[in-house]
Structure formats: C-alpha cells, structure tokens
C-alpha cells in the first residue's frame, strides 16, 4: 500500500470563485423575490384605493339621487370624504353634458391652480345661466373620485349614472303650484248642461 505525502492530499472545500458565483446567484434570487413582494404590495394598495373610490362614488351618487344636493347651485360640485374618514379622497360631480376637468397638468408647468380653475368654472356657469334648460326625463350624472397616486398607476375613478330629472333637481315649485291650482279648479266645479241649466 502506497501512502500519499501529507502535502499532496485531495483538497476539501470550495474555491473563492465558486463562493462568489454562489453569492451572486443567491443575491439575484433575493432581489427578484423582494421586488416581487414590493410590486404585490403596491398592486394591493392600488386595488384597495380603487375599491374604496368605487364605494365612495356609489355613496355620493346615492346621495345625489336621494336629493341631498338639490340645494347646491351650479352644474358642478366638489368635495372630500373627510367626514367618512378618508381625507385623501376627493370627488367632482358634473350634471348633464358637462365634462369632468382634466386633472393632469402639462409637464412644463407646476401644480394645479385651484383658484384659477374655480374662476373659469364660475365664468362657464354664468354663460350657462343665460340658457334655459328644458326638463327631460333623465339626467346624466358623472363623478370622479381622486385618491393619492401610487407610482405610475391611475389615481382616479370615473362613474356615470342616469337618474330621474326630479331626483337630481327636485320638482319645480312653480309647476307644482300651477298643477295643484289646475287640479283644484277641476275638482270644485260641476258640469253645466249645454242648455244653460244644471
């Protein structure tokens, strides 16, 4: 039997290159897993915001249909959901053929100027006040709920619903009084025979 010299025995362990390759592979794997978890978290937050925005929009549309906003003047309403506990969520409601405002500012400009926007809306409303609207059986109501942006995801939700005219604007008091007066006169009077007698 031949013995090997002590210095020339088989090597045990890994080389430095093998360890480095293993660390790189494990690092890439961990990076991909963490990136996937972060994307899943952001997608879940966006889904929560969209679901909550839909629920809040349906709540507001129900309030409009119930007549809670009949006292509000104009074709456009703004508000927030701070009373419901969602301070970061706001809404815009438009009636009829009006369009929702464009929420994206041009890239060269800074933020959105709300005072300038409200002045332009008031000027538009003055123009519309001159035009008399005819009563139609239904009215289109659109709502946009805006919530905090998450990365490149969309940060608003738009819903549209058709509602009865009287539910949105209420019954016109002049027409109601005229119809009540006309109905009262018909019910009090008797019929007169053609010959002049009763």
N, C-alpha and C. Protein backbone atom coordinates (compact mmCIF):
# COMPACT_ATOMS: atom_id res chain seq x y z
N UNK A 1 0.82 -1.16 0.00
CA UNK A 1 0.00 0.00 0.00
C UNK A 1 0.88 1.24 0.00
N UNK A 2 0.49 2.15 -0.81
CA UNK A 2 1.28 3.34 -1.02
C UNK A 2 0.62 4.50 -0.28
N UNK A 3 1.31 5.22 0.51
CA UNK A 3 0.78 6.37 1.25
C UNK A 3 1.11 7.65 0.49
N UNK A 4 0.14 8.53 0.52
CA UNK A 4 0.36 9.83 -0.12
C UNK A 4 1.07 10.77 0.85
N UNK A 5 1.92 11.58 0.32
CA UNK A 5 2.55 12.54 1.21
C UNK A 5 1.51 13.51 1.78
N UNK A 6 1.75 14.04 2.92
CA UNK A 6 0.78 14.88 3.63
C UNK A 6 0.45 16.16 2.87
N UNK A 7 1.32 16.73 2.17
CA UNK A 7 1.07 17.99 1.47
C UNK A 7 0.33 17.83 0.17
N UNK A 8 0.20 16.65 -0.37
CA UNK A 8 -0.39 16.48 -1.69
C UNK A 8 -1.70 15.71 -1.64
N UNK A 9 -2.46 15.80 -0.57
CA UNK A 9 -3.73 15.08 -0.44
C UNK A 9 -4.86 15.76 -1.21
N UNK A 10 -5.99 15.08 -1.35
CA UNK A 10 -7.11 15.70 -2.05
C UNK A 10 -7.60 16.94 -1.29
N UNK A 11 -7.97 17.96 -2.08
CA UNK A 11 -8.41 19.23 -1.48
C UNK A 11 -9.86 19.14 -1.05
N UNK A 12 -10.17 19.70 0.07
CA UNK A 12 -11.55 19.77 0.53
C UNK A 12 -11.97 21.23 0.56
N UNK A 13 -13.28 21.53 0.24
CA UNK A 13 -13.78 22.91 0.28
C UNK A 13 -13.98 23.49 -1.10
N UNK A 14 -14.34 24.77 -1.13
CA UNK A 14 -14.65 25.46 -2.38
C UNK A 14 -13.60 26.52 -2.65
N UNK A 15 -13.46 26.84 -3.91
CA UNK A 15 -12.56 27.93 -4.28
C UNK A 15 -13.29 29.25 -4.09
N UNK A 16 -12.55 30.31 -4.09
CA UNK A 16 -13.13 31.64 -3.92
C UNK A 16 -14.08 31.97 -5.07
N UNK A 17 -13.76 31.56 -6.27
CA UNK A 17 -14.62 31.82 -7.43
C UNK A 17 -15.96 31.11 -7.29
N UNK A 18 -15.95 29.89 -6.81
CA UNK A 18 -17.21 29.15 -6.62
C UNK A 18 -18.09 29.82 -5.56
N UNK A 19 -17.49 30.31 -4.51
CA UNK A 19 -18.24 31.00 -3.45
C UNK A 19 -18.84 32.29 -4.00
N UNK A 20 -18.10 33.05 -4.78
CA UNK A 20 -18.59 34.30 -5.35
C UNK A 20 -19.76 34.06 -6.30
N UNK A 21 -19.67 33.05 -7.15
CA UNK A 21 -20.76 32.73 -8.07
C UNK A 21 -22.02 32.36 -7.29
N UNK A 22 -21.85 31.59 -6.23
CA UNK A 22 -23.00 31.20 -5.40
C UNK A 22 -23.63 32.42 -4.75
N UNK A 23 -22.82 33.33 -4.23
CA UNK A 23 -23.35 34.54 -3.61
C UNK A 23 -24.09 35.42 -4.61
N UNK A 24 -23.58 35.52 -5.83
CA UNK A 24 -24.25 36.31 -6.87
C UNK A 24 -25.61 35.71 -7.20
N UNK A 25 -25.67 34.40 -7.34
CA UNK A 25 -26.94 33.73 -7.67
C UNK A 25 -27.95 33.93 -6.54
N UNK A 26 -27.52 33.76 -5.30
CA UNK A 26 -28.42 33.95 -4.15
C UNK A 26 -28.86 35.42 -4.07
N UNK A 27 -27.94 36.35 -4.32
CA UNK A 27 -28.30 37.78 -4.30
C UNK A 27 -29.33 38.14 -5.35
N UNK A 28 -29.15 37.64 -6.57
CA UNK A 28 -30.12 37.90 -7.64
C UNK A 28 -31.48 37.30 -7.27
N UNK A 29 -31.48 36.10 -6.72
CA UNK A 29 -32.74 35.47 -6.31
C UNK A 29 -33.45 36.28 -5.24
N UNK A 30 -32.72 36.74 -4.22
CA UNK A 30 -33.33 37.56 -3.17
C UNK A 30 -33.85 38.88 -3.71
N UNK A 31 -33.11 39.49 -4.62
CA UNK A 31 -33.55 40.75 -5.22
C UNK A 31 -34.86 40.57 -5.98
N UNK A 32 -34.96 39.50 -6.75
CA UNK A 32 -36.19 39.25 -7.50
C UNK A 32 -37.37 38.98 -6.57
N UNK A 33 -37.14 38.25 -5.50
CA UNK A 33 -38.22 37.97 -4.54
C UNK A 33 -38.68 39.26 -3.87
N UNK A 34 -37.75 40.10 -3.43
CA UNK A 34 -38.12 41.36 -2.78
C UNK A 34 -38.82 42.30 -3.75
N UNK A 35 -38.38 42.34 -5.00
CA UNK A 35 -39.04 43.17 -6.00
C UNK A 35 -40.47 42.68 -6.24
N UNK A 36 -40.65 41.38 -6.30
CA UNK A 36 -41.99 40.82 -6.46
C UNK A 36 -42.89 41.14 -5.28
N UNK A 37 -42.36 41.08 -4.07
CA UNK A 37 -43.14 41.43 -2.88
C UNK A 37 -43.53 42.91 -2.89
N UNK A 38 -42.61 43.77 -3.29
CA UNK A 38 -42.91 45.20 -3.35
C UNK A 38 -43.98 45.49 -4.40
N UNK A 39 -43.87 44.88 -5.56
CA UNK A 39 -44.88 45.07 -6.61
C UNK A 39 -46.24 44.56 -6.15
N UNK A 40 -46.26 43.44 -5.46
CA UNK A 40 -47.52 42.90 -4.94
C UNK A 40 -48.13 43.85 -3.91
N UNK A 41 -47.29 44.45 -3.08
CA UNK A 41 -47.78 45.40 -2.07
C UNK A 41 -48.37 46.64 -2.74
N UNK A 42 -47.70 47.17 -3.76
CA UNK A 42 -48.21 48.34 -4.46
C UNK A 42 -49.50 48.03 -5.22
N UNK A 43 -49.56 46.87 -5.83
CA UNK A 43 -50.78 46.47 -6.54
C UNK A 43 -51.94 46.30 -5.56
N UNK A 44 -51.67 45.75 -4.40
CA UNK A 44 -52.72 45.60 -3.38
C UNK A 44 -53.21 46.96 -2.90
N UNK A 45 -52.29 47.91 -2.70
CA UNK A 45 -52.69 49.26 -2.28
C UNK A 45 -53.52 49.94 -3.36
N UNK A 46 -53.14 49.78 -4.62
CA UNK A 46 -53.91 50.37 -5.72
C UNK A 46 -55.30 49.75 -5.82
N UNK A 47 -55.38 48.44 -5.65
CA UNK A 47 -56.67 47.76 -5.69
C UNK A 47 -57.55 48.23 -4.55
N UNK A 48 -56.98 48.40 -3.36
CA UNK A 48 -57.74 48.92 -2.23
C UNK A 48 -58.27 50.32 -2.52
N UNK A 49 -57.41 51.19 -3.07
CA UNK A 49 -57.83 52.55 -3.38
C UNK A 49 -58.94 52.56 -4.43
N UNK A 50 -58.83 51.72 -5.46
CA UNK A 50 -59.88 51.67 -6.49
C UNK A 50 -61.20 51.16 -5.92
N UNK A 51 -61.15 50.15 -5.09
CA UNK A 51 -62.37 49.61 -4.48
C UNK A 51 -63.01 50.65 -3.57
N UNK A 52 -62.19 51.30 -2.76
CA UNK A 52 -62.69 52.32 -1.86
C UNK A 52 -63.25 53.51 -2.64
N UNK A 53 -62.59 53.91 -3.72
CA UNK A 53 -63.08 55.00 -4.56
C UNK A 53 -64.42 54.64 -5.18
N UNK A 54 -64.58 53.40 -5.62
CA UNK A 54 -65.85 52.96 -6.19
C UNK A 54 -66.95 53.00 -5.15
N UNK A 55 -66.68 52.52 -3.95
CA UNK A 55 -67.68 52.54 -2.88
C UNK A 55 -68.07 53.97 -2.51
N UNK A 56 -67.09 54.87 -2.42
CA UNK A 56 -67.38 56.26 -2.10
C UNK A 56 -68.14 56.95 -3.23
N UNK A 57 -67.82 56.62 -4.48
CA UNK A 57 -68.54 57.20 -5.62
C UNK A 57 -69.99 56.74 -5.62
N UNK A 58 -70.23 55.47 -5.34
CA UNK A 58 -71.61 54.97 -5.29
C UNK A 58 -72.36 55.63 -4.13
N UNK A 59 -71.69 55.87 -3.01
CA UNK A 59 -72.30 56.59 -1.89
C UNK A 59 -72.73 57.99 -2.31
N UNK A 60 -71.84 58.71 -2.99
CA UNK A 60 -72.16 60.07 -3.42
C UNK A 60 -73.26 60.08 -4.47
N UNK A 61 -73.22 59.15 -5.42
CA UNK A 61 -74.29 59.07 -6.42
C UNK A 61 -75.63 58.77 -5.75
N UNK A 62 -75.63 57.93 -4.73
CA UNK A 62 -76.85 57.66 -3.98
C UNK A 62 -77.36 58.91 -3.28
N UNK A 63 -76.46 59.72 -2.74
CA UNK A 63 -76.86 60.97 -2.09
C UNK A 63 -77.44 61.95 -3.10
N UNK A 64 -76.85 62.00 -4.30
CA UNK A 64 -77.39 62.87 -5.35
C UNK A 64 -78.78 62.40 -5.75
N UNK A 65 -78.94 61.10 -5.92
CA UNK A 65 -80.23 60.55 -6.34
C UNK A 65 -81.28 60.70 -5.25
N UNK A 66 -80.87 60.71 -4.00
CA UNK A 66 -81.80 60.91 -2.89
C UNK A 66 -82.20 62.37 -2.73
N UNK A 67 -81.55 63.26 -3.45
CA UNK A 67 -81.91 64.67 -3.40
C UNK A 67 -81.18 65.46 -2.34
N UNK A 68 -80.11 64.95 -1.79
CA UNK A 68 -79.40 65.66 -0.73
C UNK A 68 -78.61 66.86 -1.25
N UNK A 69 -78.35 66.92 -2.54
CA UNK A 69 -77.57 68.02 -3.10
C UNK A 69 -78.43 68.93 -3.98
N UNK A 70 -79.75 68.92 -3.82
CA UNK A 70 -80.61 69.75 -4.66
C UNK A 70 -80.43 71.23 -4.37
N UNK A 71 -80.02 71.56 -3.16
CA UNK A 71 -79.82 72.96 -2.80
C UNK A 71 -78.55 73.55 -3.42
N UNK A 72 -77.62 72.70 -3.79
CA UNK A 72 -76.37 73.16 -4.39
C UNK A 72 -76.66 73.79 -5.75
N UNK A 73 -76.03 74.91 -6.00
CA UNK A 73 -76.24 75.58 -7.28
C UNK A 73 -75.09 75.25 -8.22
N UNK A 74 -75.39 75.27 -9.49
CA UNK A 74 -74.36 75.02 -10.49
C UNK A 74 -74.43 73.62 -11.04
N UNK A 75 -73.64 73.42 -12.07
CA UNK A 75 -73.61 72.14 -12.76
C UNK A 75 -72.45 71.27 -12.29
N UNK A 76 -71.75 71.71 -11.24
CA UNK A 76 -70.53 71.03 -10.82
C UNK A 76 -70.42 71.13 -9.30
N UNK A 77 -70.01 70.04 -8.67
CA UNK A 77 -69.81 70.03 -7.22
C UNK A 77 -68.45 69.42 -6.91
N UNK A 78 -67.83 69.95 -5.86
CA UNK A 78 -66.55 69.43 -5.39
C UNK A 78 -66.71 69.08 -3.91
N UNK A 79 -65.94 68.13 -3.46
CA UNK A 79 -65.97 67.79 -2.05
C UNK A 79 -64.91 66.76 -1.71
N UNK A 80 -64.84 66.46 -0.43
CA UNK A 80 -63.90 65.43 0.03
C UNK A 80 -64.66 64.46 0.92
N UNK A 81 -64.01 63.37 1.21
CA UNK A 81 -64.61 62.34 2.05
C UNK A 81 -63.99 62.35 3.45
N UNK A 82 -63.66 63.55 3.94
CA UNK A 82 -63.07 63.67 5.27
C UNK A 82 -64.05 63.23 6.35
N UNK A 83 -65.35 63.48 6.15
CA UNK A 83 -66.35 63.08 7.14
C UNK A 83 -66.44 61.56 7.26
N UNK A 84 -66.16 60.86 6.18
CA UNK A 84 -66.19 59.40 6.20
C UNK A 84 -64.88 58.80 6.68
N UNK A 85 -63.89 59.66 6.93
CA UNK A 85 -62.60 59.18 7.44
C UNK A 85 -61.54 58.98 6.36
N UNK A 86 -61.78 59.48 5.16
CA UNK A 86 -60.82 59.34 4.06
C UNK A 86 -60.45 60.73 3.55
N UNK A 87 -59.54 61.39 4.26
CA UNK A 87 -59.17 62.77 3.94
C UNK A 87 -58.48 62.90 2.59
N UNK A 88 -57.81 61.84 2.15
CA UNK A 88 -57.05 61.90 0.91
C UNK A 88 -57.92 61.68 -0.33
N UNK A 89 -59.18 61.34 -0.15
CA UNK A 89 -60.08 61.08 -1.27
C UNK A 89 -60.97 62.30 -1.47
N UNK A 90 -61.09 62.74 -2.72
CA UNK A 90 -61.95 63.87 -3.05
C UNK A 90 -62.79 63.51 -4.27
N UNK A 91 -63.85 64.30 -4.51
CA UNK A 91 -64.72 63.99 -5.64
C UNK A 91 -65.10 65.25 -6.40
N UNK A 92 -65.50 65.03 -7.64
CA UNK A 92 -66.05 66.07 -8.51
C UNK A 92 -67.27 65.45 -9.19
N UNK A 93 -68.40 66.14 -9.11
CA UNK A 93 -69.64 65.66 -9.73
C UNK A 93 -70.07 66.68 -10.77
N UNK A 94 -70.41 66.22 -11.98
CA UNK A 94 -70.96 67.10 -13.01
C UNK A 94 -72.29 66.53 -13.47
N UNK A 95 -73.17 67.44 -13.88
CA UNK A 95 -74.50 67.06 -14.33
C UNK A 95 -74.65 67.38 -15.80
N UNK A 96 -75.42 66.57 -16.49
CA UNK A 96 -75.73 66.84 -17.89
C UNK A 96 -74.57 66.60 -18.82
N UNK A 97 -74.43 67.52 -19.78
CA UNK A 97 -73.42 67.35 -20.82
C UNK A 97 -72.06 67.92 -20.44
N UNK A 98 -71.94 68.46 -19.24
CA UNK A 98 -70.64 68.98 -18.81
C UNK A 98 -69.62 67.85 -18.74
N UNK A 99 -68.37 68.21 -18.90
CA UNK A 99 -67.31 67.21 -18.83
C UNK A 99 -66.51 67.41 -17.56
N UNK A 100 -65.91 66.36 -17.12
CA UNK A 100 -65.04 66.44 -15.95
C UNK A 100 -63.77 67.19 -16.32
N UNK A 101 -63.19 67.86 -15.35
CA UNK A 101 -61.98 68.64 -15.62
C UNK A 101 -60.81 67.72 -15.88
N UNK A 102 -59.86 68.23 -16.64
CA UNK A 102 -58.64 67.48 -16.91
C UNK A 102 -57.73 67.63 -15.70
N UNK A 103 -57.39 66.54 -15.07
CA UNK A 103 -56.61 66.61 -13.83
C UNK A 103 -55.11 66.60 -14.06
N UNK A 104 -54.66 66.28 -15.25
CA UNK A 104 -53.22 66.23 -15.49
C UNK A 104 -52.72 67.58 -15.98
N UNK A 105 -51.76 68.14 -15.27
CA UNK A 105 -51.16 69.40 -15.67
C UNK A 105 -50.10 69.14 -16.73
N UNK A 106 -49.88 70.11 -17.62
CA UNK A 106 -48.80 69.94 -18.59
C UNK A 106 -47.46 69.77 -17.88
N UNK A 107 -46.54 69.09 -18.54
CA UNK A 107 -45.26 68.77 -17.91
C UNK A 107 -44.44 70.00 -17.58
N UNK A 108 -44.53 71.05 -18.36
CA UNK A 108 -43.71 72.22 -18.14
C UNK A 108 -44.19 73.07 -16.98
N UNK A 109 -45.45 72.92 -16.56
CA UNK A 109 -46.00 73.76 -15.51
C UNK A 109 -45.86 73.07 -14.16
N UNK A 110 -46.12 73.87 -13.13
CA UNK A 110 -46.06 73.33 -11.78
C UNK A 110 -47.35 72.61 -11.44
N UNK A 111 -47.87 72.87 -10.26
CA UNK A 111 -49.07 72.20 -9.77
C UNK A 111 -50.34 72.76 -10.38
N UNK A 112 -51.43 72.26 -9.91
CA UNK A 112 -52.76 72.64 -10.39
C UNK A 112 -53.23 73.85 -9.60
N UNK A 113 -53.62 74.93 -10.29
CA UNK A 113 -54.07 76.15 -9.64
C UNK A 113 -55.58 76.07 -9.44
N UNK A 114 -56.01 75.80 -8.21
CA UNK A 114 -57.44 75.62 -7.95
C UNK A 114 -58.21 76.92 -8.05
N UNK A 115 -57.60 78.04 -7.68
CA UNK A 115 -58.32 79.31 -7.74
C UNK A 115 -58.59 79.72 -9.18
N UNK A 116 -57.60 79.56 -10.04
CA UNK A 116 -57.81 79.87 -11.45
C UNK A 116 -58.86 78.95 -12.05
N UNK A 117 -58.81 77.70 -11.66
CA UNK A 117 -59.79 76.74 -12.17
C UNK A 117 -61.21 77.12 -11.71
N UNK A 118 -61.36 77.47 -10.44
CA UNK A 118 -62.70 77.83 -9.94
C UNK A 118 -63.22 79.10 -10.61
N UNK A 119 -62.34 80.05 -10.90
CA UNK A 119 -62.77 81.25 -11.62
C UNK A 119 -63.29 80.90 -13.01
N UNK A 120 -62.59 80.01 -13.70
CA UNK A 120 -63.03 79.62 -15.04
C UNK A 120 -64.35 78.86 -14.98
N UNK A 121 -64.56 78.05 -13.94
CA UNK A 121 -65.83 77.33 -13.78
C UNK A 121 -66.96 78.33 -13.52
N UNK A 122 -66.72 79.34 -12.69
CA UNK A 122 -67.76 80.34 -12.42
C UNK A 122 -68.12 81.10 -13.69
N UNK A 123 -67.13 81.41 -14.52
CA UNK A 123 -67.42 82.08 -15.78
C UNK A 123 -68.26 81.20 -16.70
N UNK A 124 -67.95 79.91 -16.74
CA UNK A 124 -68.75 78.99 -17.56
C UNK A 124 -70.18 78.89 -17.03
N UNK A 125 -70.34 78.88 -15.70
CA UNK A 125 -71.67 78.78 -15.12
C UNK A 125 -72.49 80.02 -15.44
N UNK A 126 -71.86 81.19 -15.47
CA UNK A 126 -72.58 82.41 -15.83
C UNK A 126 -73.09 82.32 -17.26
N UNK A 127 -72.29 81.74 -18.15
CA UNK A 127 -72.73 81.57 -19.53
C UNK A 127 -73.90 80.60 -19.61
N UNK A 128 -73.87 79.53 -18.80
CA UNK A 128 -74.94 78.54 -18.84
C UNK A 128 -76.22 79.05 -18.19
N UNK A 129 -76.11 80.01 -17.26
CA UNK A 129 -77.31 80.53 -16.61
C UNK A 129 -78.20 81.26 -17.60
N UNK A 130 -77.60 81.81 -18.64
CA UNK A 130 -78.39 82.52 -19.64
C UNK A 130 -79.26 81.55 -20.44
N UNK A 131 -78.78 80.35 -20.66
CA UNK A 131 -79.53 79.35 -21.41
C UNK A 131 -80.52 78.67 -20.48
N UNK A 132 -81.79 78.61 -20.90
CA UNK A 132 -82.83 77.95 -20.11
C UNK A 132 -82.83 76.47 -20.45
N UNK A 133 -82.75 75.61 -19.44
CA UNK A 133 -82.73 74.18 -19.68
C UNK A 133 -84.15 73.64 -19.71
N UNK A 134 -84.41 72.74 -20.64
CA UNK A 134 -85.70 72.08 -20.71
C UNK A 134 -85.67 70.86 -19.80
N UNK A 135 -86.83 70.57 -19.21
CA UNK A 135 -86.92 69.42 -18.33
C UNK A 135 -86.97 68.16 -19.18
N UNK A 136 -86.08 67.24 -18.89
CA UNK A 136 -86.02 65.98 -19.60
C UNK A 136 -86.33 64.86 -18.61
N UNK A 137 -86.66 63.68 -19.10
CA UNK A 137 -86.99 62.61 -18.14
C UNK A 137 -85.79 62.13 -17.34
N UNK A 138 -84.59 62.20 -17.91
CA UNK A 138 -83.40 61.70 -17.22
C UNK A 138 -82.27 62.70 -17.34
N UNK A 139 -81.35 62.60 -16.40
CA UNK A 139 -80.16 63.45 -16.40
C UNK A 139 -78.93 62.55 -16.19
N UNK A 140 -77.86 62.88 -16.89
CA UNK A 140 -76.61 62.15 -16.73
C UNK A 140 -75.82 62.77 -15.59
N UNK A 141 -75.35 61.93 -14.68
CA UNK A 141 -74.53 62.40 -13.56
C UNK A 141 -73.21 61.63 -13.62
N UNK A 142 -72.10 62.39 -13.67
CA UNK A 142 -70.77 61.78 -13.69
C UNK A 142 -70.04 62.17 -12.42
N UNK A 143 -69.26 61.24 -11.91
CA UNK A 143 -68.47 61.52 -10.71
C UNK A 143 -67.05 61.01 -10.92
N UNK A 144 -66.10 61.80 -10.46
CA UNK A 144 -64.70 61.38 -10.46
C UNK A 144 -64.23 61.42 -9.01
N UNK A 145 -63.72 60.30 -8.53
CA UNK A 145 -63.12 60.23 -7.20
C UNK A 145 -61.61 60.15 -7.39
N UNK A 146 -60.91 61.07 -6.75
CA UNK A 146 -59.45 61.15 -6.87
C UNK A 146 -58.83 60.73 -5.54
N UNK A 147 -57.77 59.94 -5.62
CA UNK A 147 -57.09 59.46 -4.43
C UNK A 147 -55.59 59.60 -4.63
N UNK A 148 -54.78 59.41 -3.58
CA UNK A 148 -53.33 59.62 -3.70
C UNK A 148 -52.70 58.70 -4.76
N UNK A 149 -51.80 59.24 -5.56
CA UNK A 149 -51.17 58.41 -6.60
C UNK A 149 -50.16 57.42 -6.01
N UNK A 150 -50.09 56.28 -6.66
CA UNK A 150 -49.10 55.26 -6.31
C UNK A 150 -48.31 54.95 -7.58
N UNK A 151 -47.07 55.36 -7.60
CA UNK A 151 -46.17 55.18 -8.76
C UNK A 151 -46.83 55.61 -10.05
N UNK A 152 -46.85 54.72 -11.03
CA UNK A 152 -47.39 55.06 -12.35
C UNK A 152 -48.85 54.66 -12.51
N UNK A 153 -49.49 54.23 -11.45
CA UNK A 153 -50.89 53.81 -11.54
C UNK A 153 -51.82 55.02 -11.63
N UNK A 154 -52.97 54.80 -12.22
CA UNK A 154 -54.00 55.83 -12.34
C UNK A 154 -54.54 56.16 -10.95
N UNK A 155 -54.77 57.45 -10.66
CA UNK A 155 -55.22 57.81 -9.31
C UNK A 155 -56.62 58.41 -9.29
N UNK A 156 -57.48 57.99 -10.22
CA UNK A 156 -58.86 58.44 -10.16
C UNK A 156 -59.78 57.37 -10.74
N UNK A 157 -61.06 57.50 -10.41
CA UNK A 157 -62.08 56.58 -10.88
C UNK A 157 -63.27 57.41 -11.33
N UNK A 158 -63.81 57.12 -12.51
CA UNK A 158 -64.94 57.87 -13.05
C UNK A 158 -66.12 56.91 -13.23
N UNK A 159 -67.27 57.32 -12.69
CA UNK A 159 -68.51 56.56 -12.86
C UNK A 159 -69.57 57.49 -13.45
N UNK A 160 -70.52 56.90 -14.16
CA UNK A 160 -71.62 57.67 -14.76
C UNK A 160 -72.91 56.93 -14.49
N UNK A 161 -73.96 57.69 -14.18
CA UNK A 161 -75.26 57.08 -13.93
C UNK A 161 -76.36 58.01 -14.46
N UNK A 162 -77.40 57.39 -15.00
CA UNK A 162 -78.57 58.14 -15.44
C UNK A 162 -79.56 58.15 -14.28
N UNK A 163 -80.11 59.34 -13.97
CA UNK A 163 -81.05 59.48 -12.87
C UNK A 163 -82.26 60.27 -13.35
N UNK A 164 -83.38 60.07 -12.67
CA UNK A 164 -84.57 60.85 -12.98
C UNK A 164 -84.34 62.33 -12.74
N UNK A 165 -84.90 63.17 -13.61
CA UNK A 165 -84.69 64.61 -13.53
C UNK A 165 -85.12 65.17 -12.17
N UNK A 166 -86.30 64.75 -11.70
CA UNK A 166 -86.81 65.27 -10.43
C UNK A 166 -85.94 64.84 -9.25
N UNK A 167 -85.30 63.68 -9.36
CA UNK A 167 -84.44 63.22 -8.27
C UNK A 167 -83.18 64.06 -8.17
N UNK A 168 -82.71 64.55 -9.29
CA UNK A 168 -81.48 65.34 -9.28
C UNK A 168 -81.77 66.79 -8.93
N UNK A 169 -82.77 67.39 -9.60
CA UNK A 169 -83.03 68.82 -9.44
C UNK A 169 -84.23 69.12 -8.57
N UNK A 170 -85.05 68.13 -8.26
CA UNK A 170 -86.25 68.38 -7.48
C UNK A 170 -87.38 68.84 -8.39
N UNK A 171 -88.58 68.88 -7.84
CA UNK A 171 -89.75 69.31 -8.60
C UNK A 171 -89.77 70.83 -8.60
N UNK A 172 -90.03 71.43 -9.76
CA UNK A 172 -90.10 72.88 -9.87
C UNK A 172 -91.33 73.37 -9.11
N UNK A 173 -91.13 74.31 -8.17
CA UNK A 173 -92.23 74.77 -7.32
C UNK A 173 -93.29 75.50 -8.12
N UNK A 174 -92.92 76.25 -9.16
CA UNK A 174 -93.91 76.96 -9.98
C UNK A 174 -94.81 75.97 -10.71
N UNK A 175 -94.21 74.93 -11.28
CA UNK A 175 -95.01 73.92 -11.98
C UNK A 175 -95.90 73.16 -11.01
N UNK A 176 -95.39 72.88 -9.82
CA UNK A 176 -96.17 72.17 -8.81
C UNK A 176 -97.37 73.00 -8.38
N UNK A 177 -97.17 74.31 -8.17
CA UNK A 177 -98.28 75.19 -7.78
C UNK A 177 -99.29 75.32 -8.90
N UNK A 178 -98.82 75.41 -10.15
CA UNK A 178 -99.74 75.53 -11.29
C UNK A 178 -100.55 74.26 -11.47
N UNK A 179 -99.94 73.11 -11.31
CA UNK A 179 -100.68 71.86 -11.47
C UNK A 179 -101.65 71.66 -10.31
N UNK A 180 -101.28 72.11 -9.11
CA UNK A 180 -102.19 71.99 -7.97
C UNK A 180 -103.37 72.93 -8.14
N UNK A 181 -103.16 74.13 -8.66
CA UNK A 181 -104.25 75.08 -8.88
C UNK A 181 -105.18 74.57 -9.98
N UNK A 182 -104.62 74.00 -11.02
CA UNK A 182 -105.43 73.44 -12.11
C UNK A 182 -106.24 72.25 -11.65
N UNK A 183 -105.68 71.41 -10.82
CA UNK A 183 -106.39 70.23 -10.32
C UNK A 183 -107.47 70.65 -9.34
N UNK A 184 -107.23 71.70 -8.56
CA UNK A 184 -108.24 72.18 -7.61
C UNK A 184 -109.44 72.78 -8.30
N UNK A 185 -109.23 73.48 -9.40
CA UNK A 185 -110.34 74.09 -10.14
C UNK A 185 -111.19 73.01 -10.79
N UNK A 186 -110.59 71.95 -11.29
CA UNK A 186 -111.34 70.87 -11.91
C UNK A 186 -112.18 70.12 -10.89
N UNK A 187 -111.70 69.94 -9.68
CA UNK A 187 -112.42 69.15 -8.69
C UNK A 187 -113.55 69.94 -8.05
N UNK A 188 -113.49 71.29 -8.01
CA UNK A 188 -114.54 72.10 -7.39
C UNK A 188 -115.71 72.33 -8.32
N UNK A 189 -115.43 72.51 -9.54
CA UNK A 189 -116.50 72.89 -10.47
C UNK A 189 -117.37 71.72 -10.87
N UNK A 190 -118.66 72.01 -11.15
CA UNK A 190 -119.56 70.98 -11.62
C UNK A 190 -119.71 71.12 -13.12
N UNK A 191 -120.48 70.27 -13.72
CA UNK A 191 -120.68 70.36 -15.15
C UNK A 191 -121.96 71.13 -15.43
N UNK A 192 -121.90 71.91 -16.45
CA UNK A 192 -123.06 72.71 -16.85
C UNK A 192 -123.64 72.07 -18.09
N UNK A 193 -124.93 71.91 -18.10
CA UNK A 193 -125.60 71.30 -19.26
C UNK A 193 -125.57 72.26 -20.42
N UNK A 194 -125.60 71.77 -21.66
CA UNK A 194 -125.50 72.64 -22.82
C UNK A 194 -126.65 73.63 -22.92
N UNK A 195 -127.76 73.36 -22.35
CA UNK A 195 -128.89 74.27 -22.45
C UNK A 195 -128.85 75.38 -21.45
N UNK A 196 -127.87 75.47 -20.64
CA UNK A 196 -127.76 76.53 -19.66
C UNK A 196 -128.23 76.10 -18.30
N UNK A 197 -128.89 74.98 -18.15
CA UNK A 197 -129.36 74.53 -16.85
C UNK A 197 -128.49 73.42 -16.32
N UNK A 198 -128.75 73.14 -15.07
CA UNK A 198 -127.98 72.08 -14.45
C UNK A 198 -128.76 70.81 -14.39
